[in-house]
C-alpha atoms as a PDB file:
ATOM      1  CA  MET A   1     -44.710 -19.240  10.555  1.00  0.00           C
ATOM      2  CA  LYS A   2     -43.055 -20.166   7.317  1.00  0.00           C
ATOM      3  CA  MET A   3     -44.155 -16.841   5.879  1.00  0.00           C
ATOM      4  CA  THR A   4     -42.893 -14.919   8.889  1.00  0.00           C
ATOM      5  CA  ILE A   5     -39.264 -16.572   8.420  1.00  0.00           C
ATOM      6  CA  ASN A   6     -39.222 -15.832   4.647  1.00  0.00           C
ATOM      7  CA  LEU A   7     -40.243 -12.136   5.377  1.00  0.00           C
ATOM      8  CA  ARG A   8     -37.202 -11.764   7.871  1.00  0.00           C
ATOM      9  CA  LYS A   9     -35.141 -13.334   5.240  1.00  0.00           C
ATOM     10  CA  VAL A  10     -36.295 -10.640   2.774  1.00  0.00           C
ATOM     11  CA  LEU A  11     -35.843  -7.825   5.199  1.00  0.00           C
ATOM     12  CA  PHE A  12     -32.235  -8.947   6.364  1.00  0.00           C
ATOM     13  CA  PHE A  13     -31.578  -9.093   2.736  1.00  0.00           C
ATOM     14  CA  LEU A  14     -32.570  -5.738   2.038  1.00  0.00           C
ATOM     15  CA  LEU A  15     -30.987  -4.278   5.129  1.00  0.00           C
ATOM     16  CA  THR A  16     -27.848  -5.712   3.836  1.00  0.00           C
ATOM     17  CA  LEU A  17     -28.206  -4.044   0.442  1.00  0.00           C
ATOM     18  CA  CYS A  18     -28.772  -0.718   2.094  1.00  0.00           C
ATOM     19  CA  LEU A  19     -25.889  -0.882   3.853  1.00  0.00           C
ATOM     20  CA  ILE A  20     -23.685  -1.866   1.391  1.00  0.00           C
ATOM     21  CA  GLY A  21     -25.019   0.830  -0.750  1.00  0.00           C
ATOM     22  CA  SER A  22     -24.249   3.497   2.028  1.00  0.00           C
ATOM     23  CA  ALA A  23     -20.651   2.321   2.416  1.00  0.00           C
ATOM     24  CA  TYR A  24     -20.013   2.574  -1.200  1.00  0.00           C
ATOM     25  CA  ALA A  25     -21.661   5.968  -1.269  1.00  0.00           C
ATOM     26  CA  GLN A  26     -19.420   7.003   1.609  1.00  0.00           C
ATOM     27  CA  ASP A  27     -16.027   5.563  -0.098  1.00  0.00           C
ATOM     28  CA  THR A  28     -17.060   7.330  -3.329  1.00  0.00           C
ATOM     29  CA  ALA A  29     -17.673  10.495  -1.731  1.00  0.00           C
ATOM     30  CA  LEU A  30     -14.373  10.334   0.475  1.00  0.00           C
ATOM     31  CA  LYS A  31     -12.432   9.679  -2.668  1.00  0.00           C
ATOM     32  CA  GLU A  32     -13.927  12.699  -4.418  1.00  0.00           C
ATOM     33  CA  ALA A  33     -13.034  14.800  -1.234  1.00  0.00           C
ATOM     34  CA  GLU A  34      -9.384  13.535  -1.633  1.00  0.00           C
ATOM     35  CA  VAL A  35      -9.087  14.436  -5.123  1.00  0.00           C
ATOM     36  CA  ALA A  36     -10.197  18.010  -4.686  1.00  0.00           C
ATOM     37  CA  TYR A  37      -8.042  18.339  -1.723  1.00  0.00           C
ATOM     38  CA  THR A  38      -5.071  17.098  -3.936  1.00  0.00           C
ATOM     39  CA  LYS A  39      -6.229  19.384  -6.614  1.00  0.00           C
ATOM     40  CA  GLU A  40      -6.040  22.224  -4.074  1.00  0.00           C
ATOM     41  CA  ASP A  41      -9.831  22.881  -4.197  1.00  0.00           C
ATOM     42  CA  TYR A  42     -10.105  22.979  -0.606  1.00  0.00           C
ATOM     43  CA  ALA A  43     -13.747  24.704  -0.663  1.00  0.00           C
ATOM     44  CA  LYS A  44     -14.935  21.586  -2.556  1.00  0.00           C
ATOM     45  CA  ALA A  45     -13.064  18.909  -0.129  1.00  0.00           C
ATOM     46  CA  ILE A  46     -14.617  21.101   2.829  1.00  0.00           C
ATOM     47  CA  GLU A  47     -18.267  20.862   1.282  1.00  0.00           C
ATOM     48  CA  LEU A  48     -17.729  17.211   0.592  1.00  0.00           C
ATOM     49  CA  TYR A  49     -16.243  16.179   3.942  1.00  0.00           C
ATOM     50  CA  GLU A  50     -19.113  18.204   5.672  1.00  0.00           C
ATOM     51  CA  GLY A  51     -21.661  16.292   3.490  1.00  0.00           C
ATOM     52  CA  ILE A  52     -20.022  12.913   4.578  1.00  0.00           C
ATOM     53  CA  LEU A  53     -20.135  13.864   8.213  1.00  0.00           C
ATOM     54  CA  LYS A  54     -23.985  14.837   7.716  1.00  0.00           C
ATOM     55  CA  SER A  55     -25.085  11.799   6.052  1.00  0.00           C
ATOM     56  CA  ASN A  56     -22.820   9.232   7.861  1.00  0.00           C
ATOM     57  CA  GLY A  57     -22.263  10.635  11.208  1.00  0.00           C
ATOM     58  CA  GLU A  58     -19.093  11.176  13.064  1.00  0.00           C
ATOM     59  CA  SER A  59     -15.738  10.109  11.926  1.00  0.00           C
ATOM     60  CA  ALA A  60     -12.189  10.783  13.361  1.00  0.00           C
ATOM     61  CA  ALA A  61     -10.462  10.572   9.957  1.00  0.00           C
ATOM     62  CA  VAL A  62     -12.985  12.734   8.315  1.00  0.00           C
ATOM     63  CA  TYR A  63     -12.958  15.095  10.966  1.00  0.00           C
ATOM     64  CA  TYR A  64      -9.158  15.359  10.755  1.00  0.00           C
ATOM     65  CA  ASN A  65      -9.363  15.629   6.861  1.00  0.00           C
ATOM     66  CA  LEU A  66     -11.849  18.468   7.292  1.00  0.00           C
ATOM     67  CA  GLY A  67      -9.488  19.946   9.467  1.00  0.00           C
ATOM     68  CA  ASN A  68      -6.574  19.826   7.176  1.00  0.00           C
ATOM     69  CA  ALA A  69      -8.833  21.293   4.347  1.00  0.00           C
ATOM     70  CA  TYR A  70      -9.757  24.399   6.541  1.00  0.00           C
ATOM     71  CA  TYR A  71      -6.215  24.898   7.387  1.00  0.00           C
ATOM     72  CA  LYS A  72      -5.103  24.736   3.629  1.00  0.00           C
ATOM     73  CA  ALA A  73      -8.059  27.026   3.007  1.00  0.00           C
ATOM     74  CA  GLY A  74      -6.705  29.811   5.525  1.00  0.00           C
ATOM     75  CA  LYS A  75      -9.511  29.034   7.975  1.00  0.00           C
ATOM     76  CA  ILE A  76      -7.635  28.460  11.242  1.00  0.00           C
ATOM     77  CA  ALA A  77     -10.302  28.518  13.588  1.00  0.00           C
ATOM     78  CA  PRO A  78     -12.498  25.775  11.731  1.00  0.00           C
ATOM     79  CA  ALA A  79      -9.435  23.872  11.207  1.00  0.00           C
ATOM     80  CA  ILE A  80      -8.539  23.832  15.106  1.00  0.00           C
ATOM     81  CA  LEU A  81     -12.437  23.019  15.802  1.00  0.00           C
ATOM     82  CA  ASN A  82     -12.213  19.896  13.647  1.00  0.00           C
ATOM     83  CA  TYR A  83      -8.896  18.607  14.947  1.00  0.00           C
ATOM     84  CA  GLU A  84     -10.568  19.094  18.534  1.00  0.00           C
ATOM     85  CA  ARG A  85     -13.546  16.882  17.236  1.00  0.00           C
ATOM     86  CA  CYS A  86     -11.178  14.267  15.712  1.00  0.00           C
ATOM     87  CA  LEU A  87      -9.546  13.996  19.099  1.00  0.00           C
ATOM     88  CA  LEU A  88     -12.780  13.685  20.902  1.00  0.00           C
ATOM     89  CA  LEU A  89     -13.339  10.480  18.930  1.00  0.00           C
ATOM     90  CA  ASP A  90      -9.570   9.390  18.875  1.00  0.00           C
ATOM     91  CA  PRO A  91      -7.669  10.595  21.744  1.00  0.00           C
ATOM     92  CA  GLY A  92      -4.656   8.885  20.551  1.00  0.00           C
ATOM     93  CA  ASP A  93      -4.273  10.605  17.028  1.00  0.00           C
ATOM     94  CA  SER A  94      -0.861  12.106  17.256  1.00  0.00           C
ATOM     95  CA  ASP A  95      -1.397  14.046  14.097  1.00  0.00           C
ATOM     96  CA  ALA A  96      -4.420  15.751  14.991  1.00  0.00           C
ATOM     97  CA  ARG A  97      -3.149  16.408  18.264  1.00  0.00           C
ATOM     98  CA  PHE A  98      -0.011  18.158  16.662  1.00  0.00           C
ATOM     99  CA  ASN A  99      -1.831  20.064  14.159  1.00  0.00           C
ATOM    100  CA  ARG A 100      -4.304  21.798  16.757  1.00  0.00           C
END
């Protein structure tokens, strides 16, 4: 019984570490994408935002930023698509609604 409780504690601790590591990695990738966008390296920003979506799942904010990067890169159709994806997750996002 005591062994089971200790095993649960260890598993809980390891799971917590994994979640913290994942959140840190996403935060780092978001910052890198924002820097690329600010430096007008839209291709790099697009690559990073798409990687974030692939590794961390859907996010209205990331879809919105990806839409902006596509727009700035002159790729209007993918920009609109990502604004629409943003709106599916956050229908009240007035910026995405305006941009589409």
